[in-house]
Amino acid sequence: MGWLALLLAGLAGWLIWTGRLQRMSAKDGMALGVALVGAVLAAKGKPVIGAPLLIGAAMFFVGQGKLRGKGKTAAPKPLPPQDIAQARALLGVAPDADADMIRAAHRRLIASVHPDKGGTEALAAQINAARDLLLRDQAER
């Protein structure tokens, strides 16, 4: 029974370390629930029922980690060149802003909308694309 507690503590530690608790999906929650039910069943003397549940949940989380590592998300689309004014408005910089001002505005905005801070990946991708577009435009001038 002690090794099950260590296993669950390790799973919880891994979830916290990788940040998966912040972006847990319904499938992740169901797999975690199955792992908990399996651990309780195994601890109550029914390892024949509990062990497969634990193993299945562990395999699910390992498989999810491999999918995320291979770049499951799509690359952000850069803004078209005609949207330089829109990029400036998004970052809140003036038309005469230099590269340092653009980077400072990007850092300020991305700190509040980053997916790790509760923001969305789409908005963070737009802000990154706006920064890249403005920095490329600045370098061309």
C-alpha atoms as a PDB file:
ATOM      1  CA  MET A   1       0.000   0.000   0.000  1.00  0.00           C
ATOM      2  CA  GLY A   2       2.945   2.311   0.653  1.00  0.00           C
ATOM      3  CA  TRP A   3       4.261   1.976  -2.875  1.00  0.00           C
ATOM      4  CA  LEU A   4       0.866   3.066  -4.237  1.00  0.00           C
ATOM      5  CA  ALA A   5       1.031   6.224  -2.161  1.00  0.00           C
ATOM      6  CA  LEU A   6       4.529   6.877  -3.520  1.00  0.00           C
ATOM      7  CA  LEU A   7       3.306   6.250  -7.048  1.00  0.00           C
ATOM      8  CA  LEU A   8       0.433   8.705  -6.644  1.00  0.00           C
ATOM      9  CA  ALA A   9       2.724  11.277  -5.050  1.00  0.00           C
ATOM     10  CA  GLY A  10       5.109  10.847  -7.980  1.00  0.00           C
ATOM     11  CA  LEU A  11       2.268  11.280 -10.479  1.00  0.00           C
ATOM     12  CA  ALA A  12       1.069  14.422  -8.711  1.00  0.00           C
ATOM     13  CA  GLY A  13       4.626  15.765  -8.607  1.00  0.00           C
ATOM     14  CA  TRP A  14       5.073  15.076 -12.309  1.00  0.00           C
ATOM     15  CA  LEU A  15       1.788  16.829 -13.141  1.00  0.00           C
ATOM     16  CA  ILE A  16       2.812  19.871 -11.132  1.00  0.00           C
ATOM     17  CA  TRP A  17       6.393  19.893 -12.492  1.00  0.00           C
ATOM     18  CA  THR A  18       5.295  19.757 -16.125  1.00  0.00           C
ATOM     19  CA  GLY A  19       2.511  22.293 -15.578  1.00  0.00           C
ATOM     20  CA  ARG A  20      -0.179  19.938 -16.833  1.00  0.00           C
ATOM     21  CA  LEU A  21      -2.480  20.832 -13.943  1.00  0.00           C
ATOM     22  CA  GLN A  22      -2.819  24.339 -15.378  1.00  0.00           C
ATOM     23  CA  ARG A  23      -3.963  23.127 -18.783  1.00  0.00           C
ATOM     24  CA  MET A  24      -5.681  19.871 -17.882  1.00  0.00           C
ATOM     25  CA  SER A  25      -8.256  18.695 -20.400  1.00  0.00           C
ATOM     26  CA  ALA A  26     -11.284  16.525 -19.724  1.00  0.00           C
ATOM     27  CA  LYS A  27      -9.381  13.444 -20.921  1.00  0.00           C
ATOM     28  CA  ASP A  28      -6.533  14.232 -18.532  1.00  0.00           C
ATOM     29  CA  GLY A  29      -8.987  14.599 -15.661  1.00  0.00           C
ATOM     30  CA  MET A  30     -10.690  11.330 -16.487  1.00  0.00           C
ATOM     31  CA  ALA A  31      -7.359   9.512 -16.660  1.00  0.00           C
ATOM     32  CA  LEU A  32      -6.342  10.984 -13.313  1.00  0.00           C
ATOM     33  CA  GLY A  33      -9.687   9.867 -11.861  1.00  0.00           C
ATOM     34  CA  VAL A  34      -9.151   6.349 -13.217  1.00  0.00           C
ATOM     35  CA  ALA A  35      -5.695   6.312 -11.625  1.00  0.00           C
ATOM     36  CA  LEU A  36      -7.148   7.331  -8.272  1.00  0.00           C
ATOM     37  CA  VAL A  37      -9.895   4.691  -8.461  1.00  0.00           C
ATOM     38  CA  GLY A  38      -7.295   2.077  -9.385  1.00  0.00           C
ATOM     39  CA  ALA A  39      -5.091   3.099  -6.465  1.00  0.00           C
ATOM     40  CA  VAL A  40      -7.995   2.921  -4.019  1.00  0.00           C
ATOM     41  CA  LEU A  41      -9.057  -0.495  -5.319  1.00  0.00           C
ATOM     42  CA  ALA A  42      -5.518  -1.820  -5.135  1.00  0.00           C
ATOM     43  CA  ALA A  43      -5.085  -0.427  -1.623  1.00  0.00           C
ATOM     44  CA  LYS A  44      -8.322  -2.089  -0.474  1.00  0.00           C
ATOM     45  CA  GLY A  45      -7.063  -5.514  -1.489  1.00  0.00           C
ATOM     46  CA  LYS A  46      -8.321  -5.734  -5.070  1.00  0.00           C
ATOM     47  CA  PRO A  47      -5.106  -5.389  -7.097  1.00  0.00           C
ATOM     48  CA  VAL A  48      -6.498  -7.462  -9.975  1.00  0.00           C
ATOM     49  CA  ILE A  49      -8.973  -4.663 -10.692  1.00  0.00           C
ATOM     50  CA  GLY A  50      -6.877  -1.694  -9.540  1.00  0.00           C
ATOM     51  CA  ALA A  51      -3.546  -2.464 -11.205  1.00  0.00           C
ATOM     52  CA  PRO A  52      -4.862  -2.393 -14.803  1.00  0.00           C
ATOM     53  CA  LEU A  53      -6.540   0.932 -14.111  1.00  0.00           C
ATOM     54  CA  LEU A  54      -3.302   2.376 -12.767  1.00  0.00           C
ATOM     55  CA  ILE A  55      -1.251   0.993 -15.631  1.00  0.00           C
ATOM     56  CA  GLY A  56      -3.742   2.265 -18.217  1.00  0.00           C
ATOM     57  CA  ALA A  57      -3.725   5.764 -16.730  1.00  0.00           C
ATOM     58  CA  ALA A  58       0.076   5.777 -16.603  1.00  0.00           C
ATOM     59  CA  MET A  59       0.260   4.702 -20.255  1.00  0.00           C
ATOM     60  CA  PHE A  60      -2.198   7.465 -21.175  1.00  0.00           C
ATOM     61  CA  PHE A  61      -0.053  10.134 -19.503  1.00  0.00           C
ATOM     62  CA  VAL A  62       3.147   8.806 -21.056  1.00  0.00           C
ATOM     63  CA  GLY A  63       1.474   8.815 -24.492  1.00  0.00           C
ATOM     64  CA  GLN A  64       0.238  12.368 -23.998  1.00  0.00           C
ATOM     65  CA  GLY A  65       3.743  13.512 -23.088  1.00  0.00           C
ATOM     66  CA  LYS A  66       5.132  12.033 -26.310  1.00  0.00           C
ATOM     67  CA  LEU A  67       2.461  13.772 -28.392  1.00  0.00           C
ATOM     68  CA  ARG A  68       3.149  17.161 -26.820  1.00  0.00           C
ATOM     69  CA  GLY A  69       6.887  16.767 -27.303  1.00  0.00           C
ATOM     70  CA  LYS A  70       6.513  16.284 -31.073  1.00  0.00           C
ATOM     71  CA  GLY A  71       4.924  19.685 -31.631  1.00  0.00           C
ATOM     72  CA  LYS A  72       1.246  18.846 -31.661  1.00  0.00           C
ATOM     73  CA  THR A  73       0.278  22.540 -31.897  1.00  0.00           C
ATOM     74  CA  ALA A  74       0.261  24.363 -35.201  1.00  0.00           C
ATOM     75  CA  ALA A  75       2.844  27.035 -35.905  1.00  0.00           C
ATOM     76  CA  PRO A  76       1.467  30.574 -35.577  1.00  0.00           C
ATOM     77  CA  LYS A  77       0.700  32.298 -38.846  1.00  0.00           C
ATOM     78  CA  PRO A  78       2.606  35.547 -39.295  1.00  0.00           C
ATOM     79  CA  LEU A  79       0.655  38.705 -39.997  1.00  0.00           C
ATOM     80  CA  PRO A  80       0.605  39.893 -43.626  1.00  0.00           C
ATOM     81  CA  PRO A  81       2.865  42.860 -44.439  1.00  0.00           C
ATOM     82  CA  GLN A  82      -0.115  45.182 -44.909  1.00  0.00           C
ATOM     83  CA  ASP A  83      -0.997  44.703 -41.257  1.00  0.00           C
ATOM     84  CA  ILE A  84       1.936  46.658 -39.835  1.00  0.00           C
ATOM     85  CA  ALA A  85      -0.467  49.264 -38.472  1.00  0.00           C
ATOM     86  CA  GLN A  86      -2.516  46.503 -36.853  1.00  0.00           C
ATOM     87  CA  ALA A  87       0.649  45.013 -35.316  1.00  0.00           C
ATOM     88  CA  ARG A  88       1.613  48.421 -33.925  1.00  0.00           C
ATOM     89  CA  ALA A  89      -1.857  48.825 -32.441  1.00  0.00           C
ATOM     90  CA  LEU A  90      -1.736  45.334 -30.922  1.00  0.00           C
ATOM     91  CA  LEU A  91       1.591  46.013 -29.214  1.00  0.00           C
ATOM     92  CA  GLY A  92       0.694  49.615 -28.448  1.00  0.00           C
ATOM     93  CA  VAL A  93       3.780  51.196 -29.985  1.00  0.00           C
ATOM     94  CA  ALA A  94       4.122  54.380 -32.011  1.00  0.00           C
ATOM     95  CA  PRO A  95       5.107  54.340 -35.711  1.00  0.00           C
ATOM     96  CA  ASP A  96       8.525  55.738 -34.798  1.00  0.00           C
ATOM     97  CA  ALA A  97       9.230  53.027 -32.166  1.00  0.00           C
ATOM     98  CA  ASP A  98      12.666  51.455 -32.274  1.00  0.00           C
ATOM     99  CA  ALA A  99      13.494  47.765 -31.786  1.00  0.00           C
ATOM    100  CA  ASP A 100      14.020  48.144 -28.040  1.00  0.00           C
ATOM    101  CA  MET A 101      10.600  49.737 -27.577  1.00  0.00           C
ATOM    102  CA  ILE A 102       8.986  46.951 -29.622  1.00  0.00           C
ATOM    103  CA  ARG A 103      10.692  44.264 -27.529  1.00  0.00           C
ATOM    104  CA  ALA A 104       9.714  46.009 -24.278  1.00  0.00           C
ATOM    105  CA  ALA A 105       6.068  46.238 -25.362  1.00  0.00           C
ATOM    106  CA  HIS A 106       6.141  42.570 -26.374  1.00  0.00           C
ATOM    107  CA  ARG A 107       7.586  41.499 -23.004  1.00  0.00           C
ATOM    108  CA  ARG A 108       4.968  43.531 -21.148  1.00  0.00           C
ATOM    109  CA  LEU A 109       2.072  42.035 -23.097  1.00  0.00           C
ATOM    110  CA  ILE A 110       3.283  38.440 -23.308  1.00  0.00           C
ATOM    111  CA  ALA A 111       3.759  38.343 -19.525  1.00  0.00           C
ATOM    112  CA  SER A 112       0.003  38.758 -19.085  1.00  0.00           C
ATOM    113  CA  VAL A 113      -1.340  36.650 -21.966  1.00  0.00           C
ATOM    114  CA  HIS A 114       1.106  33.744 -22.040  1.00  0.00           C
ATOM    115  CA  PRO A 115      -0.627  30.319 -21.894  1.00  0.00           C
ATOM    116  CA  ASP A 116       1.329  29.444 -18.739  1.00  0.00           C
ATOM    117  CA  LYS A 117      -0.197  32.504 -17.059  1.00  0.00           C
ATOM    118  CA  GLY A 118      -3.779  31.650 -18.030  1.00  0.00           C
ATOM    119  CA  GLY A 119      -3.839  33.306 -21.458  1.00  0.00           C
ATOM    120  CA  THR A 120      -4.545  31.685 -24.786  1.00  0.00           C
ATOM    121  CA  GLU A 121      -2.080  30.272 -27.285  1.00  0.00           C
ATOM    122  CA  ALA A 122      -3.793  32.148 -30.112  1.00  0.00           C
ATOM    123  CA  LEU A 123      -3.357  35.578 -28.542  1.00  0.00           C
ATOM    124  CA  ALA A 124       0.245  34.829 -27.577  1.00  0.00           C
ATOM    125  CA  ALA A 125       0.919  33.726 -31.168  1.00  0.00           C
ATOM    126  CA  GLN A 126      -0.592  36.966 -32.502  1.00  0.00           C
ATOM    127  CA  ILE A 127       1.555  39.048 -30.171  1.00  0.00           C
ATOM    128  CA  ASN A 128       4.675  37.097 -31.169  1.00  0.00           C
ATOM    129  CA  ALA A 129       3.817  37.486 -34.856  1.00  0.00           C
ATOM    130  CA  ALA A 130       3.255  41.229 -34.397  1.00  0.00           C
ATOM    131  CA  ARG A 131       6.661  41.571 -32.715  1.00  0.00           C
ATOM    132  CA  ASP A 132       8.374  39.592 -35.473  1.00  0.00           C
ATOM    133  CA  LEU A 133       6.671  41.615 -38.189  1.00  0.00           C
ATOM    134  CA  LEU A 134       7.590  44.951 -36.602  1.00  0.00           C
ATOM    135  CA  LEU A 135      11.184  43.880 -35.968  1.00  0.00           C
ATOM    136  CA  ARG A 136      11.538  42.713 -39.601  1.00  0.00           C
ATOM    137  CA  ASP A 137      10.034  46.014 -40.783  1.00  0.00           C
ATOM    138  CA  GLN A 138      12.422  47.910 -38.499  1.00  0.00           C
ATOM    139  CA  ALA A 139      15.423  45.991 -39.872  1.00  0.00           C
ATOM    140  CA  GLU A 140      14.383  46.682 -43.475  1.00  0.00           C
ATOM    141  CA  ARG A 141      14.204  50.409 -42.849  1.00  0.00           C
END
